[in-house]
Each structure stands twice: as C-alpha cells, then as structure tokens.
PDB file of N, CA and C in Angstrom:
ATOM      1  N   MET A   1     116.864 121.781  65.326  1.00  0.00           N
ATOM      2  CA  MET A   1     116.519 121.107  66.538  1.00  0.00           C
ATOM      3  C   MET A   1     115.677 119.751  66.024  1.00  0.00           C
ATOM      4  N   ARG A   2     116.532 118.518  66.561  1.00  0.00           N
ATOM      5  CA  ARG A   2     115.886 117.653  66.177  1.00  0.00           C
ATOM      6  C   ARG A   2     114.296 117.447  67.303  1.00  0.00           C
ATOM      7  N   LYS A   3     113.475 116.989  66.391  1.00  0.00           N
ATOM      8  CA  LYS A   3     111.835 116.709  67.263  1.00  0.00           C
ATOM      9  C   LYS A   3     112.230 115.640  68.405  1.00  0.00           C
ATOM     10  N   ILE A   4     111.652 115.283  69.008  1.00  0.00           N
ATOM     11  CA  ILE A   4     111.764 114.250  70.500  1.00  0.00           C
ATOM     12  C   ILE A   4     111.214 113.207  70.072  1.00  0.00           C
ATOM     13  N   HIS A   5     111.587 112.189  69.938  1.00  0.00           N
ATOM     14  CA  HIS A   5     110.391 111.334  69.507  1.00  0.00           C
ATOM     15  C   HIS A   5     110.285 110.222  70.657  1.00  0.00           C
ATOM     16  N   LYS A   6     108.964 109.408  70.647  1.00  0.00           N
ATOM     17  CA  LYS A   6     108.523 108.317  71.904  1.00  0.00           C
ATOM     18  C   LYS A   6     109.904 107.492  72.354  1.00  0.00           C
ATOM     19  N   ASP A   7     110.621 107.077  71.345  1.00  0.00           N
ATOM     20  CA  ASP A   7     111.608 106.015  71.830  1.00  0.00           C
ATOM     21  C   ASP A   7     112.692 106.733  72.428  1.00  0.00           C
ATOM     22  N   ASP A   8     112.740 108.141  72.446  1.00  0.00           N
ATOM     23  CA  ASP A   8     113.688 109.137  73.433  1.00  0.00           C
ATOM     24  C   ASP A   8     113.684 109.009  74.654  1.00  0.00           C
ATOM     25  N   TYR A   9     112.178 109.203  75.049  1.00  0.00           N
ATOM     26  CA  TYR A   9     112.047 109.067  76.472  1.00  0.00           C
ATOM     27  C   TYR A   9     112.174 107.601  77.212  1.00  0.00           C
ATOM     28  N   PHE A  10     111.696 106.597  76.213  1.00  0.00           N
ATOM     29  CA  PHE A  10     112.157 104.988  76.822  1.00  0.00           C
ATOM     30  C   PHE A  10     113.759 105.406  76.581  1.00  0.00           C
ATOM     31  N   ALA A  11     114.590 105.971  75.837  1.00  0.00           N
ATOM     32  CA  ALA A  11     116.374 106.047  76.306  1.00  0.00           C
ATOM     33  C   ALA A  11     116.673 106.585  77.767  1.00  0.00           C
ATOM     34  N   LEU A  12     115.454 107.780  77.666  1.00  0.00           N
ATOM     35  CA  LEU A  12     116.143 108.664  78.750  1.00  0.00           C
ATOM     36  C   LEU A  12     115.756 107.960  80.192  1.00  0.00           C
ATOM     37  N   ALA A  13     114.582 107.355  80.271  1.00  0.00           N
ATOM     38  CA  ALA A  13     114.394 106.834  81.260  1.00  0.00           C
ATOM     39  C   ALA A  13     114.798 105.742  81.807  1.00  0.00           C
ATOM     40  N   VAL A  14     115.459 104.758  81.209  1.00  0.00           N
ATOM     41  CA  VAL A  14     116.256 103.814  81.031  1.00  0.00           C
ATOM     42  C   VAL A  14     117.641 104.116  81.668  1.00  0.00           C
ATOM     43  N   PHE A  15     118.076 105.474  81.274  1.00  0.00           N
ATOM     44  CA  PHE A  15     119.318 106.034  81.570  1.00  0.00           C
ATOM     45  C   PHE A  15     119.096 106.630  83.125  1.00  0.00           C
ATOM     46  N   LEU A  16     117.868 106.977  83.055  1.00  0.00           N
ATOM     47  CA  LEU A  16     118.217 107.655  84.347  1.00  0.00           C
ATOM     48  C   LEU A  16     117.780 106.412  85.687  1.00  0.00           C
ATOM     49  N   MET A  17     117.361 105.232  85.384  1.00  0.00           N
ATOM     50  CA  MET A  17     117.006 104.292  85.736  1.00  0.00           C
ATOM     51  C   MET A  17     118.682 103.845  86.599  1.00  0.00           C
ATOM     52  N   ASP A  18     119.597 103.944  85.464  1.00  0.00           N
ATOM     53  CA  ASP A  18     120.614 103.052  85.451  1.00  0.00           C
ATOM     54  C   ASP A  18     121.880 104.476  86.116  1.00  0.00           C
ATOM     55  N   TYR A  19     121.518 105.669  86.541  1.00  0.00           N
ATOM     56  CA  TYR A  19     122.343 106.147  86.518  1.00  0.00           C
ATOM     57  C   TYR A  19     122.308 107.520  87.458  1.00  0.00           C
ATOM     58  N   HIS A  20     120.643 107.483  87.685  1.00  0.00           N
ATOM     59  CA  HIS A  20     120.638 108.449  89.197  1.00  0.00           C
ATOM     60  C   HIS A  20     121.250 108.676  90.403  1.00  0.00           C
ATOM     61  N   SER A  21     121.423 109.245  90.804  1.00  0.00           N
ATOM     62  CA  SER A  21     122.364 109.509  92.208  1.00  0.00           C
ATOM     63  C   SER A  21     121.006 109.134  93.395  1.00  0.00           C
ATOM     64  N   GLY A  22     120.357 108.551  93.381  1.00  0.00           N
ATOM     65  CA  GLY A  22     119.855 108.589  94.745  1.00  0.00           C
ATOM     66  C   GLY A  22     117.840 109.185  94.255  1.00  0.00           C
ATOM     67  N   GLN A  23     117.476 108.637  95.520  1.00  0.00           N
ATOM     68  CA  GLN A  23     115.856 109.261  95.596  1.00  0.00           C
ATOM     69  C   GLN A  23     115.721 110.447  95.834  1.00  0.00           C
ATOM     70  N   TRP A  24     116.413 111.765  95.977  1.00  0.00           N
ATOM     71  CA  TRP A  24     116.553 113.120  96.335  1.00  0.00           C
ATOM     72  C   TRP A  24     117.078 113.409  95.207  1.00  0.00           C
ATOM     73  N   SER A  25     117.628 113.446  94.534  1.00  0.00           N
ATOM     74  CA  SER A  25     118.219 113.269  93.017  1.00  0.00           C
ATOM     75  C   SER A  25     117.395 114.166  92.121  1.00  0.00           C
ATOM     76  N   ARG A  26     118.357 114.762  91.042  1.00  0.00           N
ATOM     77  CA  ARG A  26     117.355 115.638  90.204  1.00  0.00           C
ATOM     78  C   ARG A  26     117.147 114.274  88.874  1.00  0.00           C
ATOM     79  N   GLY A  27     118.206 113.749  88.918  1.00  0.00           N
ATOM     80  CA  GLY A  27     117.592 112.332  88.117  1.00  0.00           C
ATOM     81  C   GLY A  27     116.591 111.607  88.542  1.00  0.00           C
ATOM     82  N   TYR A  28     116.447 111.326  89.556  1.00  0.00           N
ATOM     83  CA  TYR A  28     115.154 110.578  90.000  1.00  0.00           C
ATOM     84  C   TYR A  28     113.752 111.670  89.976  1.00  0.00           C
ATOM     85  N   ARG A  29     114.131 112.638  90.173  1.00  0.00           N
ATOM     86  CA  ARG A  29     113.078 113.265  89.865  1.00  0.00           C
ATOM     87  C   ARG A  29     112.318 113.269  88.322  1.00  0.00           C
ATOM     88  N   LEU A  30     113.358 113.603  87.786  1.00  0.00           N
ATOM     89  CA  LEU A  30     113.208 113.539  86.137  1.00  0.00           C
ATOM     90  C   LEU A  30     112.469 112.189  85.883  1.00  0.00           C
ATOM     91  N   LEU A  31     113.355 111.036  86.626  1.00  0.00           N
ATOM     92  CA  LEU A  31     112.649 109.997  86.016  1.00  0.00           C
ATOM     93  C   LEU A  31     111.076 109.368  86.102  1.00  0.00           C
ATOM     94  N   SER A  32     110.878 110.205  87.508  1.00  0.00           N
ATOM     95  CA  SER A  32     109.359 109.876  87.999  1.00  0.00           C
ATOM     96  C   SER A  32     108.198 110.530  87.312  1.00  0.00           C
ATOM     97  N   LYS A  33     108.617 111.491  86.852  1.00  0.00           N
ATOM     98  CA  LYS A  33     108.128 112.509  85.702  1.00  0.00           C
ATOM     99  C   LYS A  33     107.788 111.594  84.604  1.00  0.00           C
ATOM    100  N   LEU A  34     108.580 110.567  84.457  1.00  0.00           N
ATOM    101  CA  LEU A  34     108.586 110.023  83.139  1.00  0.00           C
ATOM    102  C   LEU A  34     107.511 108.532  83.192  1.00  0.00           C
ATOM    103  N   ARG A  35     107.093 108.402  84.330  1.00  0.00           N
ATOM    104  CA  ARG A  35     106.387 107.222  84.595  1.00  0.00           C
ATOM    105  C   ARG A  35     107.201 106.221  83.891  1.00  0.00           C
ATOM    106  N   PRO A  36     108.215 105.391  83.836  1.00  0.00           N
ATOM    107  CA  PRO A  36     108.543 104.350  83.485  1.00  0.00           C
ATOM    108  C   PRO A  36     107.892 102.954  83.866  1.00  0.00           C
ATOM    109  N   HIS A  37     107.025 103.144  85.220  1.00  0.00           N
ATOM    110  CA  HIS A  37     106.533 101.845  85.429  1.00  0.00           C
ATOM    111  C   HIS A  37     105.972 100.982  84.718  1.00  0.00           C
ATOM    112  N   ASN A  38     105.647 101.313  83.461  1.00  0.00           N
ATOM    113  CA  ASN A  38     105.104  99.989  82.451  1.00  0.00           C
ATOM    114  C   ASN A  38     105.736  99.754  81.325  1.00  0.00           C
ATOM    115  N   PHE A  39     107.711  99.871  81.490  1.00  0.00           N
ATOM    116  CA  PHE A  39     108.386  99.604  81.021  1.00  0.00           C
ATOM    117  C   PHE A  39     108.528  97.986  81.073  1.00  0.00           C
ATOM    118  N   SER A  40     108.768  97.224  80.113  1.00  0.00           N
ATOM    119  CA  SER A  40     109.240  95.263  80.071  1.00  0.00           C
ATOM    120  C   SER A  40     110.651  95.522  80.129  1.00  0.00           C
ATOM    121  N   SER A  41     111.387  94.654  81.052  1.00  0.00           N
ATOM    122  CA  SER A  41     112.585  94.541  81.044  1.00  0.00           C
ATOM    123  C   SER A  41     113.483  94.224  79.878  1.00  0.00           C
ATOM    124  N   SER A  42     112.721  93.301  78.537  1.00  0.00           N
ATOM    125  CA  SER A  42     113.503  93.472  77.771  1.00  0.00           C
ATOM    126  C   SER A  42     113.815  94.824  76.739  1.00  0.00           C
ATOM    127  N   MET A  43     112.271  95.242  76.817  1.00  0.00           N
ATOM    128  CA  MET A  43     112.627  96.833  76.286  1.00  0.00           C
ATOM    129  C   MET A  43     113.609  97.547  76.719  1.00  0.00           C
ATOM    130  N   MET A  44     113.868  97.616  77.911  1.00  0.00           N
ATOM    131  CA  MET A  44     114.879  98.278  78.639  1.00  0.00           C
ATOM    132  C   MET A  44     116.406  97.882  78.428  1.00  0.00           C
ATOM    133  N   ALA A  45     116.553  96.739  77.843  1.00  0.00           N
ATOM    134  CA  ALA A  45     117.958  95.865  77.375  1.00  0.00           C
ATOM    135  C   ALA A  45     118.065  96.361  75.945  1.00  0.00           C
ATOM    136  N   GLU A  46     117.400  96.556  75.230  1.00  0.00           N
ATOM    137  CA  GLU A  46     117.335  97.058  73.988  1.00  0.00           C
ATOM    138  C   GLU A  46     117.398  98.636  74.117  1.00  0.00           C
ATOM    139  N   GLU A  47     116.882  99.205  74.866  1.00  0.00           N
ATOM    140  CA  GLU A  47     117.144 100.504  74.808  1.00  0.00           C
ATOM    141  C   GLU A  47     118.903 101.280  75.229  1.00  0.00           C
ATOM    142  N   ARG A  48     119.515  99.982  76.067  1.00  0.00           N
ATOM    143  CA  ARG A  48     120.529 100.349  76.520  1.00  0.00           C
ATOM    144  C   ARG A  48     121.603 100.012  75.414  1.00  0.00           C
ATOM    145  N   GLU A  49     121.191  99.445  74.192  1.00  0.00           N
ATOM    146  CA  GLU A  49     121.957  99.289  73.171  1.00  0.00           C
ATOM    147  C   GLU A  49     121.789 100.471  71.923  1.00  0.00           C
ATOM    148  N   THR A  50     120.935 101.757  71.936  1.00  0.00           N
ATOM    149  CA  THR A  50     120.422 102.840  71.096  1.00  0.00           C
ATOM    150  C   THR A  50     121.514 103.683  71.095  1.00  0.00           C
ATOM    151  N   GLU A  51     121.879 104.364  70.323  1.00  0.00           N
ATOM    152  CA  GLU A  51     122.802 105.588  70.086  1.00  0.00           C
ATOM    153  C   GLU A  51     122.581 106.914  71.170  1.00  0.00           C
ATOM    154  N   ILE A  52     121.101 107.115  71.131  1.00  0.00           N
ATOM    155  CA  ILE A  52     120.673 108.189  72.282  1.00  0.00           C
ATOM    156  C   ILE A  52     120.718 107.800  73.735  1.00  0.00           C
ATOM    157  N   TYR A  53     120.499 106.568  74.102  1.00  0.00           N
ATOM    158  CA  TYR A  53     121.147 106.075  75.444  1.00  0.00           C
ATOM    159  C   TYR A  53     122.855 105.858  75.621  1.00  0.00           C
ATOM    160  N   GLN A  54     123.547 105.477  74.473  1.00  0.00           N
ATOM    161  CA  GLN A  54     124.771 105.685  74.701  1.00  0.00           C
ATOM    162  C   GLN A  54     125.647 107.305  74.824  1.00  0.00           C
ATOM    163  N   TYR A  55     124.343 108.335  73.564  1.00  0.00           N
ATOM    164  CA  TYR A  55     124.924 109.696  73.978  1.00  0.00           C
ATOM    165  C   TYR A  55     125.115 110.269  75.295  1.00  0.00           C
ATOM    166  N   LEU A  56     123.211 109.806  76.047  1.00  0.00           N
ATOM    167  CA  LEU A  56     123.367 109.969  77.745  1.00  0.00           C
ATOM    168  C   LEU A  56     124.142 109.654  78.195  1.00  0.00           C
ATOM    169  N   VAL A  57     125.131 108.218  78.052  1.00  0.00           N
ATOM    170  CA  VAL A  57     125.547 108.078  79.289  1.00  0.00           C
ATOM    171  C   VAL A  57     127.037 108.669  78.735  1.00  0.00           C
ATOM    172  N   THR A  58     127.684 108.885  77.564  1.00  0.00           N
ATOM    173  CA  THR A  58     128.331 109.374  77.376  1.00  0.00           C
ATOM    174  C   THR A  58     128.937 110.680  77.844  1.00  0.00           C
ATOM    175  N   HIS A  59     127.709 111.440  77.570  1.00  0.00           N
ATOM    176  CA  HIS A  59     127.676 113.277  78.281  1.00  0.00           C
ATOM    177  C   HIS A  59     127.151 113.580  79.790  1.00  0.00           C
ATOM    178  N   TYR A  60     126.457 112.587  80.065  1.00  0.00           N
ATOM    179  CA  TYR A  60     125.214 113.163  81.370  1.00  0.00           C
ATOM    180  C   TYR A  60     125.703 112.075  82.908  1.00  0.00           C
ATOM    181  N   ALA A  61     126.562 110.723  82.468  1.00  0.00           N
ATOM    182  CA  ALA A  61     126.215 109.801  83.401  1.00  0.00           C
ATOM    183  C   ALA A  61     126.874 110.507  84.692  1.00  0.00           C
ATOM    184  N   SER A  62     127.639 111.719  84.800  1.00  0.00           N
ATOM    185  CA  SER A  62     127.609 111.560  86.370  1.00  0.00           C
ATOM    186  C   SER A  62     127.088 113.246  86.808  1.00  0.00           C
ATOM    187  N   LYS A  63     126.334 113.299  85.989  1.00  0.00           N
ATOM    188  CA  LYS A  63     125.314 114.900  85.882  1.00  0.00           C
ATOM    189  C   LYS A  63     123.780 114.403  86.999  1.00  0.00           C
ATOM    190  N   VAL A  64     123.543 113.416  86.799  1.00  0.00           N
ATOM    191  CA  VAL A  64     122.098 112.716  87.201  1.00  0.00           C
ATOM    192  C   VAL A  64     122.509 112.346  88.679  1.00  0.00           C
TER     193      VAL A  64
END
C-alpha cells in the first residue's frame, strides 16, 4: 500500500472542488474536512495536471 503524501491531499481537495455534486453531497463533506481554504489558485491549477488528480477524475468523477 502506498503511503499518502501531503500533495495527495491537495490533489484530492482540488478534485472534490471540481466534482462534488452539491452542498449536501459526500464529496462536499469530504472537501470540508480537508479545509482547502488556504490553497492558492496557482496551486490548484498545478494539481489538475498531476497523475493523482487525473486518476481521481478517471475513476471517481461520477461518484462524489
């Protein structure tokens, strides 16, 4: 099992920002636990190009 790195949390938060299905969704609840309010917009743009973000989009975009 791969150890979760801090950068993975950023990719997950950006993914959830992009794909949650509303304020009452599971994705939104997960996003609020990650507390991404201190992310910069440049950081978010970079995260969208990462392998982990692309994996999340491919496998989970319709499930959050």
